[in-house]
Amino acid sequence: MIDFYALGLYLRNWLLIIACFFRTRLMSNFAKDMEILALRSQLSITQQQIMNGKISKPQFTPAFRQLWRFLSTTPA
């Protein structure tokens, strides 16, 4: 039996990833650099909180894992 709720969440995650990709294609280089800086600082803080045990390890969605599998096998 197909779990339509899980399938809907999976498709929603992929649509969000694709929408973010197209949004970044329209951004200027300066805006992209500022977003990268902000995201790296957030990542650093989150990593510190995980290391200190303040928050639990994050759970990744199947769409997120497939995206990173695709990115890791795509030549630069």
C-alpha atoms as a PDB file:
ATOM      1  CA  MET A   1       0.000   0.000   0.000  1.00  0.00           C
ATOM      2  CA  ILE A   2       1.323   3.426  -0.927  1.00  0.00           C
ATOM      3  CA  ASP A   3       1.676   5.947   1.877  1.00  0.00           C
ATOM      4  CA  PHE A   4       0.376   9.053   0.116  1.00  0.00           C
ATOM      5  CA  TYR A   5       1.295  11.329   2.993  1.00  0.00           C
ATOM      6  CA  ALA A   6       4.950  10.267   2.852  1.00  0.00           C
ATOM      7  CA  LEU A   7       4.936  10.529  -0.940  1.00  0.00           C
ATOM      8  CA  GLY A   8       3.487  14.042  -0.673  1.00  0.00           C
ATOM      9  CA  LEU A   9       6.191  15.090   1.782  1.00  0.00           C
ATOM     10  CA  TYR A  10       8.861  13.608  -0.471  1.00  0.00           C
ATOM     11  CA  LEU A  11       7.575  15.508  -3.516  1.00  0.00           C
ATOM     12  CA  ARG A  12       7.165  18.692  -1.478  1.00  0.00           C
ATOM     13  CA  ASN A  13      10.806  18.468  -0.341  1.00  0.00           C
ATOM     14  CA  TRP A  14      11.996  18.072  -3.932  1.00  0.00           C
ATOM     15  CA  LEU A  15       9.872  21.009  -5.089  1.00  0.00           C
ATOM     16  CA  LEU A  16      11.373  23.182  -2.349  1.00  0.00           C
ATOM     17  CA  ILE A  17      14.898  22.156  -3.387  1.00  0.00           C
ATOM     18  CA  ILE A  18      14.174  22.966  -7.045  1.00  0.00           C
ATOM     19  CA  ALA A  19      12.555  26.299  -6.118  1.00  0.00           C
ATOM     20  CA  CYS A  20      15.595  27.270  -4.042  1.00  0.00           C
ATOM     21  CA  PHE A  21      17.867  26.365  -6.951  1.00  0.00           C
ATOM     22  CA  PHE A  22      16.000  28.635  -9.356  1.00  0.00           C
ATOM     23  CA  ARG A  23      15.844  31.409  -6.767  1.00  0.00           C
ATOM     24  CA  THR A  24      19.626  31.360  -6.414  1.00  0.00           C
ATOM     25  CA  ARG A  25      20.055  31.459 -10.190  1.00  0.00           C
ATOM     26  CA  LEU A  26      18.353  34.869 -10.140  1.00  0.00           C
ATOM     27  CA  MET A  27      20.462  36.298  -7.292  1.00  0.00           C
ATOM     28  CA  SER A  28      23.469  38.543  -7.784  1.00  0.00           C
ATOM     29  CA  ASN A  29      26.929  37.250  -6.882  1.00  0.00           C
ATOM     30  CA  PHE A  30      27.061  39.561  -3.853  1.00  0.00           C
ATOM     31  CA  ALA A  31      23.716  38.253  -2.581  1.00  0.00           C
ATOM     32  CA  LYS A  32      24.927  34.666  -3.059  1.00  0.00           C
ATOM     33  CA  ASP A  33      28.128  35.413  -1.158  1.00  0.00           C
ATOM     34  CA  MET A  34      26.161  36.950   1.724  1.00  0.00           C
ATOM     35  CA  GLU A  35      23.818  33.955   1.844  1.00  0.00           C
ATOM     36  CA  ILE A  36      26.775  31.547   1.869  1.00  0.00           C
ATOM     37  CA  LEU A  37      28.342  33.512   4.724  1.00  0.00           C
ATOM     38  CA  ALA A  38      25.094  33.435   6.719  1.00  0.00           C
ATOM     39  CA  LEU A  39      24.569  29.709   6.107  1.00  0.00           C
ATOM     40  CA  ARG A  40      28.147  28.846   7.069  1.00  0.00           C
ATOM     41  CA  SER A  41      27.795  30.758  10.328  1.00  0.00           C
ATOM     42  CA  GLN A  42      24.519  28.942  11.075  1.00  0.00           C
ATOM     43  CA  LEU A  43      26.192  25.623  10.286  1.00  0.00           C
ATOM     44  CA  SER A  44      29.080  26.436  12.609  1.00  0.00           C
ATOM     45  CA  ILE A  45      26.740  27.276  15.489  1.00  0.00           C
ATOM     46  CA  THR A  46      24.656  24.137  14.890  1.00  0.00           C
ATOM     47  CA  GLN A  47      27.771  21.952  14.818  1.00  0.00           C
ATOM     48  CA  GLN A  48      28.931  23.447  18.119  1.00  0.00           C
ATOM     49  CA  GLN A  49      25.528  22.811  19.700  1.00  0.00           C
ATOM     50  CA  ILE A  50      25.531  19.189  18.506  1.00  0.00           C
ATOM     51  CA  MET A  51      29.076  18.657  19.818  1.00  0.00           C
ATOM     52  CA  ASN A  52      28.109  20.127  23.215  1.00  0.00           C
ATOM     53  CA  GLY A  53      24.989  17.934  23.394  1.00  0.00           C
ATOM     54  CA  LYS A  54      22.584  20.878  23.480  1.00  0.00           C
ATOM     55  CA  ILE A  55      20.622  19.576  20.485  1.00  0.00           C
ATOM     56  CA  SER A  56      20.237  16.078  19.086  1.00  0.00           C
ATOM     57  CA  LYS A  57      21.631  14.896  15.784  1.00  0.00           C
ATOM     58  CA  PRO A  58      19.474  16.133  12.863  1.00  0.00           C
ATOM     59  CA  GLN A  59      17.364  13.697  10.833  1.00  0.00           C
ATOM     60  CA  PHE A  60      17.606  14.054   7.057  1.00  0.00           C
ATOM     61  CA  THR A  61      14.781  13.461   4.586  1.00  0.00           C
ATOM     62  CA  PRO A  62      15.112  11.000   1.688  1.00  0.00           C
ATOM     63  CA  ALA A  63      14.950  13.899  -0.803  1.00  0.00           C
ATOM     64  CA  PHE A  64      17.821  15.633   0.985  1.00  0.00           C
ATOM     65  CA  ARG A  65      19.911  12.452   0.915  1.00  0.00           C
ATOM     66  CA  GLN A  66      19.208  11.933  -2.796  1.00  0.00           C
ATOM     67  CA  LEU A  67      20.166  15.525  -3.546  1.00  0.00           C
ATOM     68  CA  TRP A  68      23.548  15.089  -1.826  1.00  0.00           C
ATOM     69  CA  ARG A  69      24.092  11.733  -3.518  1.00  0.00           C
ATOM     70  CA  PHE A  70      23.452  13.447  -6.873  1.00  0.00           C
ATOM     71  CA  LEU A  71      25.753  16.361  -6.024  1.00  0.00           C
ATOM     72  CA  SER A  72      28.563  14.071  -4.888  1.00  0.00           C
ATOM     73  CA  THR A  73      28.525  12.080  -8.152  1.00  0.00           C
ATOM     74  CA  THR A  74      28.181  15.063 -10.507  1.00  0.00           C
ATOM     75  CA  PRO A  75      31.490  16.285 -11.941  1.00  0.00           C
ATOM     76  CA  ALA A  76      32.336  19.906 -11.199  1.00  0.00           C
END
